[in-house]
Protein backbone atom coordinates (compact mmCIF):
# COMPACT_ATOMS: atom_id res chain seq x y z
CA MET A 1 0.34 0.27 0.07
CA SER A 2 1.18 3.64 -0.37
CA ASP A 3 3.01 5.23 2.74
CA LYS A 4 -0.71 6.74 4.07
CA GLN A 5 -1.39 5.45 7.74
CA VAL A 6 -2.82 2.42 8.40
CA ARG A 7 -6.40 2.89 9.27
CA LEU A 8 -7.17 0.60 11.80
CA ALA A 9 -10.26 -0.28 14.48
CA VAL A 10 -10.31 -2.25 17.78
CA ILE A 11 -13.41 -4.76 18.35
CA GLY A 12 -14.07 -5.47 21.54
CA CYS A 13 -12.53 -3.50 24.06
CA GLY A 14 -12.26 -4.60 27.56
CA GLY A 15 -9.74 -7.09 29.13
CA ILE A 16 -6.92 -7.91 26.97
CA ALA A 17 -7.46 -5.33 24.46
CA ASN A 18 -6.17 -2.66 27.41
CA ALA A 19 -2.76 -4.96 26.82
CA HIS A 20 -3.20 -3.57 23.40
CA LEU A 21 -3.95 -0.27 24.01
CA ARG A 22 -0.76 0.26 25.97
CA GLY A 23 0.93 -1.00 23.43
CA TYR A 24 -0.57 1.56 20.59
CA LYS A 25 0.79 4.09 23.23
CA THR A 26 4.04 2.65 23.36
CA LEU A 27 4.42 3.19 19.30
CA VAL A 28 3.24 6.59 19.75
CA GLU A 29 5.58 7.23 22.32
CA LYS A 30 8.25 6.06 20.20
CA GLY A 31 7.10 8.10 17.19
CA VAL A 32 5.83 5.32 15.14
CA ASP A 33 3.38 7.78 12.72
CA THR A 34 2.41 4.86 10.37
CA PHE A 35 -1.30 4.12 11.94
CA SER A 36 -4.28 5.81 12.49
CA ILE A 37 -7.16 3.66 15.71
CA ASP A 38 -10.05 5.12 13.54
CA ALA A 39 -12.66 3.07 14.87
CA THR A 40 -13.58 1.27 18.12
CA CYS A 41 -16.71 -1.45 18.23
CA ASP A 42 -17.98 -3.67 21.30
CA VAL A 43 -21.36 -4.56 21.72
CA ARG A 44 -21.09 -2.52 24.86
CA LYS A 45 -20.79 1.49 23.59
CA GLU A 46 -20.29 2.72 26.50
CA ALA A 47 -17.11 0.19 26.57
CA ALA A 48 -16.58 1.06 23.01
CA GLN A 49 -17.08 5.11 23.47
CA ASN A 50 -14.12 5.01 26.55
CA PHE A 51 -11.65 2.72 24.42
CA ALA A 52 -12.31 5.80 22.14
CA GLU A 53 -11.31 8.30 24.49
CA GLU A 54 -8.71 6.70 26.02
CA ILE A 55 -6.80 6.23 22.32
CA ALA A 56 -7.42 10.20 22.10
CA ALA A 57 -5.30 11.00 24.78
CA PHE A 58 -2.17 9.66 23.10
CA GLN A 59 -3.15 9.91 19.41
CA GLY A 60 -4.78 13.52 19.19
CA SER A 61 -7.70 12.81 17.59
CA THR A 62 -11.23 10.27 18.44
CA PRO A 63 -12.15 7.19 16.79
CA ARG A 64 -15.73 6.63 15.67
CA VAL A 65 -17.55 4.22 18.17
CA TYR A 66 -20.14 1.57 16.80
CA ASP A 67 -21.70 -1.14 18.44
CA ASP A 68 -21.79 -3.45 15.52
CA VAL A 69 -19.03 -4.60 13.51
CA GLU A 70 -20.99 -4.88 10.36
CA GLU A 71 -22.69 -0.68 10.93
CA MET A 72 -18.67 -0.06 11.02
CA LEU A 73 -17.56 -1.52 8.33
CA LYS A 74 -19.98 0.09 5.89
CA ALA A 75 -19.24 3.67 7.50
CA GLU A 76 -15.76 3.65 7.70
CA ASP A 77 -12.61 2.80 5.28
CA LEU A 78 -10.63 0.30 7.33
CA ASP A 79 -7.49 -1.18 6.63
CA GLY A 80 -7.04 -3.61 9.51
CA ALA A 81 -8.81 -4.80 12.73
CA ASP A 82 -7.29 -5.60 16.18
CA ILE A 83 -10.23 -8.23 17.51
CA CYS A 84 -10.17 -8.79 21.11
CA THR A 85 -13.51 -9.99 22.23
CA PRO A 86 -14.36 -13.18 23.75
CA HIS A 87 -12.84 -16.64 22.03
CA SER A 88 -16.43 -17.60 20.56
CA HIS A 89 -16.99 -14.21 18.53
CA HIS A 90 -13.05 -14.26 17.00
CA HIS A 91 -14.68 -15.56 13.58
CA ILE A 92 -17.80 -14.14 14.13
CA SER A 93 -15.59 -9.96 14.12
CA ALA A 94 -13.11 -11.39 11.26
CA ILE A 95 -15.09 -12.87 8.56
CA PRO A 96 -17.28 -10.22 7.92
CA CYS A 97 -13.90 -7.95 8.32
CA LEU A 98 -12.72 -10.53 5.76
CA GLU A 99 -15.11 -10.09 3.32
CA SER A 100 -14.77 -5.89 2.99
CA GLY A 101 -11.30 -6.42 2.40
CA VAL A 102 -9.67 -5.55 5.69
CA ASP A 103 -6.70 -6.87 7.02
CA ILE A 104 -7.87 -9.07 10.93
CA MET A 105 -5.72 -9.21 13.68
CA THR A 106 -7.01 -12.23 16.96
CA GLU A 107 -6.40 -12.65 20.22
CA LYS A 108 -5.44 -16.32 21.04
CA PRO A 109 -6.84 -18.66 20.73
CA PHE A 110 -6.89 -17.80 17.26
CA GLY A 111 -10.43 -19.24 17.35
CA VAL A 112 -12.40 -21.00 19.60
CA THR A 113 -12.35 -24.56 17.41
CA ILE A 114 -10.88 -25.81 14.86
CA LYS A 115 -13.62 -25.41 12.28
CA ALA A 116 -13.20 -21.70 13.96
CA SER A 117 -9.89 -21.02 12.69
CA LYS A 118 -10.03 -23.01 9.64
CA LYS A 119 -12.78 -20.90 8.18
CA MET A 120 -11.10 -17.79 9.20
CA ILE A 121 -8.50 -18.75 6.98
CA GLU A 122 -10.10 -19.91 4.51
CA VAL A 123 -12.13 -16.44 4.04
CA ALA A 124 -8.92 -14.56 4.40
CA GLN A 125 -7.41 -16.82 1.00
CA LYS A 126 -10.56 -16.00 -0.52
CA HIS A 127 -10.27 -12.42 -0.42
CA GLY A 128 -6.79 -12.30 -0.73
CA ARG A 129 -6.52 -10.66 2.98
CA ILE A 130 -3.90 -11.24 5.97
CA THR A 131 -4.63 -12.97 9.36
CA ALA A 132 -2.73 -12.37 12.20
CA THR A 133 -2.93 -14.56 15.61
CA ALA A 134 -2.04 -11.46 18.31
CA GLU A 135 1.35 -13.52 20.13
CA ASN A 136 2.84 -11.79 22.38
CA CYS A 137 5.53 -13.76 24.56
CA ARG A 138 7.68 -15.54 21.32
CA ARG A 139 8.30 -11.73 21.10
CA THR A 140 9.95 -11.06 24.51
CA PRO A 141 13.38 -11.26 24.68
CA GLY A 142 13.96 -13.78 27.06
CA GLN A 143 12.01 -16.13 25.29
CA ARG A 144 14.09 -15.13 21.82
CA THR A 145 17.05 -15.82 24.08
CA VAL A 146 15.76 -19.17 24.95
CA ARG A 147 14.40 -20.04 21.38
CA TRP A 148 18.54 -19.57 20.59
CA ALA A 149 19.85 -21.13 23.05
CA LEU A 150 18.09 -24.45 22.41
CA ASN A 151 18.78 -24.44 18.36
CA GLU A 152 21.51 -21.89 16.69
CA GLY A 153 22.85 -21.59 19.91
CA ASN A 154 23.74 -25.08 21.12
CA ILE A 155 23.78 -23.76 25.08
CA VAL A 156 22.57 -27.09 26.43
CA GLY A 157 23.18 -29.60 23.42
CA LYS A 158 20.09 -31.47 20.87
CA PRO A 159 17.30 -30.80 23.19
CA ARG A 160 15.82 -33.62 24.57
CA MET A 161 12.86 -32.88 26.82
CA PHE A 162 10.65 -30.23 28.81
CA PHE A 163 8.45 -30.39 32.52
CA ALA A 164 6.34 -27.63 32.75
CA GLN A 165 4.18 -28.31 36.38
CA SER A 166 2.65 -26.92 38.81
CA ALA A 167 -0.08 -27.66 41.06
CA GLY A 168 -1.09 -25.79 44.11
CA TRP A 169 -4.65 -25.24 45.42
CA ARG A 170 -6.99 -22.36 44.99
CA ASP A 171 -10.14 -21.15 46.44
CA PRO A 172 -13.05 -21.24 44.26
CA SER A 173 -13.56 -17.46 45.25
CA GLU A 174 -10.54 -16.79 43.22
CA VAL A 175 -10.84 -18.28 39.59
CA GLY A 176 -14.99 -17.24 39.74
CA ASN A 177 -15.29 -14.01 38.24
CA TRP A 178 -14.44 -14.82 34.81
CA HIS A 179 -17.70 -14.20 32.60
CA TRP A 180 -17.49 -15.22 29.67
CA ARG A 181 -15.19 -17.73 30.37
CA LEU A 182 -17.15 -20.16 32.37
CA GLY A 183 -19.32 -20.93 29.75
CA LYS A 184 -17.66 -23.40 27.42
CA GLU A 185 -19.37 -22.50 24.55
CA PHE A 186 -17.52 -18.67 24.85
CA SER A 187 -14.80 -20.35 26.26
CA GLY A 188 -13.83 -22.74 24.16
CA GLY A 189 -12.16 -24.24 27.14
CA GLY A 190 -10.44 -23.56 30.31
CA MET A 191 -7.14 -23.21 30.97
CA VAL A 192 -5.28 -25.44 28.78
CA MET A 193 -6.90 -23.28 25.88
CA ASP A 194 -7.00 -19.57 27.50
CA SER A 195 -3.48 -18.72 29.16
CA GLY A 196 -2.43 -22.27 27.66
CA ALA A 197 -2.07 -20.76 23.98
CA HIS A 198 0.27 -18.49 24.82
CA MET A 199 2.39 -22.03 26.10
CA MET A 200 1.49 -24.14 23.23
CA ASP A 201 2.97 -21.73 20.70
CA THR A 202 6.14 -21.21 23.06
CA ILE A 203 6.92 -24.99 22.83
CA ARG A 204 5.89 -24.87 19.10
CA TYR A 205 8.71 -22.18 18.97
CA PHE A 206 10.67 -23.64 20.91
CA PHE A 207 11.14 -27.58 19.05
CA GLY A 208 9.07 -27.23 16.03
CA ASP A 209 5.41 -29.00 15.18
CA VAL A 210 4.17 -31.04 17.44
CA GLU A 211 2.78 -34.77 15.91
CA LYS A 212 0.68 -36.37 19.30
CA VAL A 213 -0.33 -35.68 22.26
CA TYR A 214 -2.00 -37.84 25.98
CA ALA A 215 -3.68 -36.56 28.13
CA GLU A 216 -6.15 -36.34 31.08
CA VAL A 217 -8.03 -33.58 31.49
CA ARG A 218 -10.44 -33.53 34.48
CA GLN A 219 -11.86 -31.40 37.32
CA ILE A 220 -11.08 -33.19 40.24
CA ASP A 221 -12.94 -30.54 42.71
CA GLY A 222 -16.49 -30.07 43.01
CA ARG A 223 -15.71 -26.81 44.53
CA PHE A 224 -15.11 -24.91 41.38
CA ALA A 225 -17.25 -27.00 39.43
CA ASN A 226 -21.01 -26.04 42.01
CA HIS A 227 -19.24 -22.40 42.57
CA VAL A 228 -21.71 -20.40 40.68
CA GLU A 229 -21.86 -16.74 41.34
CA LYS A 230 -24.86 -13.78 41.03
CA GLY A 231 -25.62 -13.98 37.05
CA LYS A 232 -22.65 -16.65 35.98
CA VAL A 233 -23.27 -20.08 34.49
CA PRO A 234 -21.42 -23.05 36.49
CA SER A 235 -17.93 -23.56 35.76
CA CYS A 236 -17.25 -25.83 32.58
CA HIS A 237 -13.22 -25.34 33.75
CA GLU A 238 -10.77 -27.98 34.02
CA ASP A 239 -8.49 -28.15 37.19
CA THR A 240 -6.17 -30.53 36.23
CA TRP A 241 -4.67 -31.35 33.48
CA VAL A 242 -1.98 -33.34 32.76
CA ALA A 243 -0.67 -34.13 29.26
CA VAL A 244 2.35 -35.54 27.20
CA ILE A 245 3.33 -33.85 24.21
CA THR A 246 5.43 -35.49 21.58
CA PHE A 247 7.56 -33.59 18.56
CA LYS A 248 7.73 -34.27 15.13
CA SER A 249 11.48 -33.73 16.13
CA GLY A 250 11.52 -36.19 18.90
CA VAL A 251 11.16 -34.25 21.71
CA VAL A 252 8.97 -35.04 24.08
CA GLY A 253 7.20 -32.96 27.44
CA THR A 254 5.10 -33.15 30.29
CA TRP A 255 2.77 -29.80 30.84
CA SER A 256 0.48 -30.71 34.14
CA TRP A 257 -1.50 -28.06 36.00
CA THR A 258 -3.38 -28.53 38.99
CA ILE A 259 -5.55 -25.87 41.84
CA ALA A 260 -6.87 -29.85 43.45
CA ALA A 261 -3.87 -30.17 45.26
CA PRO A 262 -3.49 -29.25 48.96
CA ALA A 263 -0.53 -28.93 51.52
CA HIS A 264 2.04 -29.53 49.09
CA PRO A 265 2.45 -26.72 46.24
CA PHE A 266 5.37 -27.13 43.28
CA LEU A 267 6.38 -25.18 40.60
CA ASN A 268 9.03 -27.17 37.73
CA VAL A 269 9.84 -25.56 34.49
CA ALA A 270 12.73 -27.03 32.66
CA PHE A 271 13.85 -27.53 29.32
CA TYR A 272 16.67 -29.92 28.76
CA GLY A 273 19.14 -30.60 26.15
CA ASP A 274 21.46 -33.74 25.94
CA GLY A 275 23.61 -31.06 28.00
CA GLY A 276 22.23 -29.15 30.26
CA VAL A 277 19.43 -27.59 31.31
CA ILE A 278 16.91 -24.02 31.11
CA ARG A 279 14.85 -23.24 33.57
CA ASP A 280 12.24 -20.71 34.38
CA TYR A 281 10.55 -19.65 37.78
CA GLY A 282 7.36 -17.96 37.03
CA ASP A 283 4.42 -20.65 36.14
CA VAL A 284 3.66 -23.07 33.39
CA PHE A 285 2.04 -20.42 30.73
CA HIS A 286 4.77 -17.25 30.16
CA PRO A 287 7.97 -18.88 30.85
CA PHE A 288 10.64 -16.71 29.84
CA THR A 289 8.55 -13.78 29.12
CA THR A 290 10.10 -11.80 32.56
CA LYS A 291 13.38 -9.89 32.44
CA ASP A 292 15.82 -12.27 33.87
CA ARG A 293 13.92 -14.81 35.40
CA GLY A 294 15.51 -18.33 35.13
CA ASP A 295 19.15 -19.68 34.83
CA VAL A 296 20.74 -22.21 32.88
CA GLU A 297 22.72 -25.10 34.58
CA LYS A 298 24.92 -27.62 31.64
CA LEU A 299 26.39 -31.13 32.45
CA ASP A 300 29.80 -29.59 32.41
CA GLY A 301 29.07 -27.43 35.83
CA THR A 302 28.82 -23.66 34.01
CA LYS A 303 26.41 -21.71 35.09
CA TYR A 304 25.01 -18.91 33.25
CA ALA A 305 22.00 -16.62 34.85
CA MET A 306 18.97 -15.33 32.45
CA SER A 307 20.64 -11.91 32.39
CA GLU A 308 24.07 -13.71 30.90
CA LEU A 309 22.65 -15.71 28.19
CA ARG A 310 20.77 -12.73 26.71
CA GLU A 311 23.49 -10.82 26.49
CA MET A 312 25.12 -13.88 24.99
CA TYR A 313 21.88 -14.03 22.34
CA LEU A 314 21.64 -10.29 21.71
CA GLU A 315 25.12 -10.55 20.96
CA THR A 316 24.72 -12.33 17.85
CA LEU A 317 23.16 -10.40 16.45
CA SER A 318 23.02 -7.27 14.09
CA ALA A 319 21.83 -4.01 14.23
CA ASP A 320 18.97 -4.62 11.79
CA GLU A 321 18.38 -8.09 13.38
CA LYS A 322 17.77 -6.16 16.53
CA GLU A 323 15.56 -3.50 14.94
CA TRP A 324 13.48 -5.80 13.66
CA LEU A 325 12.92 -8.05 16.30
CA PHE A 326 13.41 -5.26 19.00
CA PRO A 327 12.22 -1.84 17.05
CA PHE A 328 12.69 1.38 18.69
CA GLY A 329 14.38 -0.98 21.27
CA ILE A 330 10.91 -2.10 22.87
CA GLU A 331 10.37 -5.08 24.39
CA ASP A 332 6.83 -5.20 25.25
CA GLY A 333 4.99 -7.91 23.60
CA PHE A 334 1.77 -6.69 22.99
CA ALA A 335 3.41 -3.47 20.81
CA LEU A 336 5.44 -5.87 19.02
CA GLU A 337 2.81 -7.87 17.99
CA ILE A 338 0.75 -5.12 16.91
CA TYR A 339 4.13 -3.12 15.40
CA ASP A 340 4.63 -6.77 13.09
CA PHE A 341 0.42 -6.21 11.84
CA ILE A 342 0.40 -2.91 10.64
CA ASN A 343 3.92 -3.35 8.89
CA ALA A 344 2.50 -6.07 7.39
CA ILE A 345 -0.59 -4.26 6.66
CA LYS A 346 1.54 -1.74 5.06
CA ASP A 347 4.32 -3.73 3.13
CA GLY A 348 2.12 -6.46 1.97
CA ARG A 349 3.31 -9.44 3.97
CA PRO A 350 2.15 -12.12 6.21
CA PRO A 351 2.73 -11.85 9.69
CA GLU A 352 5.41 -13.17 12.03
CA VAL A 353 2.52 -15.05 13.49
CA ASP A 354 -0.21 -15.57 11.16
CA GLY A 355 -3.55 -17.11 11.34
CA SER A 356 -1.98 -20.04 10.34
CA THR A 357 0.67 -20.13 13.17
CA GLY A 358 -2.54 -19.70 15.73
CA LEU A 359 -4.07 -22.57 13.86
CA GLN A 360 -1.30 -25.15 14.99
CA ALA A 361 -1.01 -23.66 18.45
CA LYS A 362 -4.39 -23.94 18.86
CA ALA A 363 -4.65 -27.60 17.46
CA THR A 364 -2.56 -28.81 20.64
CA SER A 365 -4.47 -27.41 22.98
CA ILE A 366 -7.75 -28.85 21.33
CA ALA A 367 -5.70 -32.60 20.83
CA ILE A 368 -5.43 -32.08 24.74
CA TYR A 369 -8.84 -31.84 25.27
CA GLU A 370 -9.74 -34.25 22.52
CA SER A 371 -7.37 -36.73 24.28
CA GLY A 372 -8.80 -35.79 27.99
CA TYR A 373 -12.45 -36.65 26.03
CA SER A 374 -12.03 -40.24 24.09
CA GLY A 375 -9.14 -40.99 26.20
CA GLU A 376 -6.94 -42.06 23.50
CA VAL A 377 -4.04 -40.34 22.33
CA VAL A 378 -4.43 -38.13 19.85
CA THR A 379 -2.85 -36.76 16.27
CA ILE A 380 -2.52 -33.08 15.30
CA ALA A 381 -3.03 -34.32 11.64
CA ASP A 382 -6.33 -36.31 12.91
CA VAL A 383 -7.17 -33.12 15.09
CA LEU A 384 -6.88 -30.36 12.02
CA ASP A 385 -8.73 -32.53 8.93
CA GLY A 386 -11.58 -33.14 11.68
CA THR A 387 -11.18 -36.75 12.45
CA VAL A 388 -11.15 -36.25 15.94
CA ASN A 389 -13.52 -33.80 16.96
CA GLY A 390 -15.68 -35.22 19.93
CA TYR A 391 -15.04 -32.10 22.69
CA GLN A 392 -15.71 -29.50 19.87
CA GLN A 393 -18.73 -31.04 18.54
CA GLU A 394 -20.99 -28.75 20.77
CA ILE A 395 -19.16 -25.53 20.54
CA ASP A 396 -19.01 -26.05 16.71
CA ALA A 397 -23.21 -26.55 16.96
CA ARG A 398 -23.51 -23.81 18.97
CA TRP A 399 -22.09 -21.30 16.72
CA GLY A 400 -23.40 -23.21 13.36
CA LEU A 401 -19.68 -24.33 12.32
C-alpha cells in the first residue's frame, strides 16, 4: 500500500484490549506515525466510547464509536482490525471484516474451535487478506533468547525433553470471576486453551511441530464446578490436567497444572538438552517472559544467569536484526505484535504469527482436550482434518460451524 497511515479498528474493548491499548500508546510515544485508530467497536457501546477517549488522549484524534461490526464496516474505510472479543466471537467478528477487504489480527486462541479457525483462514485466502494471531510471548527478549539457546546457540546441546508442572490449591472465589469464560460455548474451554494458548505457541517456537498428545483433563474438585456467582453459569473449567506432548523432532514434554492439590504446592519448569537444562521460575504458561527470570546449568558445571544468556544471544544479532526483532528498543510483546501487524498490512507481507501458526497452537490445545475426552492418544493431523472432534462438537453446533 502507499505511505498513507494504516487505518485500524479495535473490536472488543475490555479485558485484554487494555494491554493492546498500552501497546499502541508505546508505539506513538516511540514516534511511530504509520497508523491511526479510526474506530472502536464493542457490543457495550459505553466500553467502546471509553476506549476511544483513552486512545484520543495519546493519538490526538478520537476514533468513531460503534456497537455493531457490520455497521462499522459500512461506515469506515479500514485497512485492519484488531479483534479482542471473547473467543467465541473471533470468527464472528473476523469473517465480515475479511469479506470487506479488511486484514485482521485476533487475540489468542485464534478461533474458538478448529472449524472456526480454519473458516477464518479460508475466507482470508479467498479474499487475499492477512490473518494474524496476537501472540506476544514469543516476541519477548527472554523467549527469543531461549529459542536461540535451544537451537542455533547449542547452549545445552540437542533438545531432549521438557517439564512444565504446577500444583497448588486455590479457593473457588479466586477463579470464579471469569464472566463469559465460564461457559464452554464462549471460551472453548479452560486454562488449557486460555493462557495455555501461549504455552502451545512457545513450545512450537522452541521445538517445532507437535505430532501427538496423550492427556488426562479433569475437574477433580467439585468446589469449582459448583461455585456459581449471581448471573453466571457453572464453571466448565478443568482444574487439573496432565499432558504428554510428543514433537515430530522426537522431543517429548510433560505439561501439567492443577489447583486441586492441597498442602504441597510446587513448580517445575525445565527445558533439557543432552548437555544441560534451562529453567524458569514463573509459571507453566508464560516461561521466560519476565526479564532475567531463570537460569542455565550445563552438564560440565557451567552456569549462566538468564541475564548472561540474554547478552550472549544479543551479541549474535546484527544491528538490522535487533531493529527487526526489537524496533526502537521496544521489548513489550503487545507493542511488538501490533507493530508487526501494522507493517504486514503496509508492506503486503505475512505477519510473523499468522493465522496458520495460530491454528497450529490451537490444534495442540484442542488435542489435549480431545485426548482427555476420548481417553486415547490424539495426533495433530487428526485434529486438523476433523477426524477427531468429539470435544468440540457442542461448541461448533452452538455457532453453526
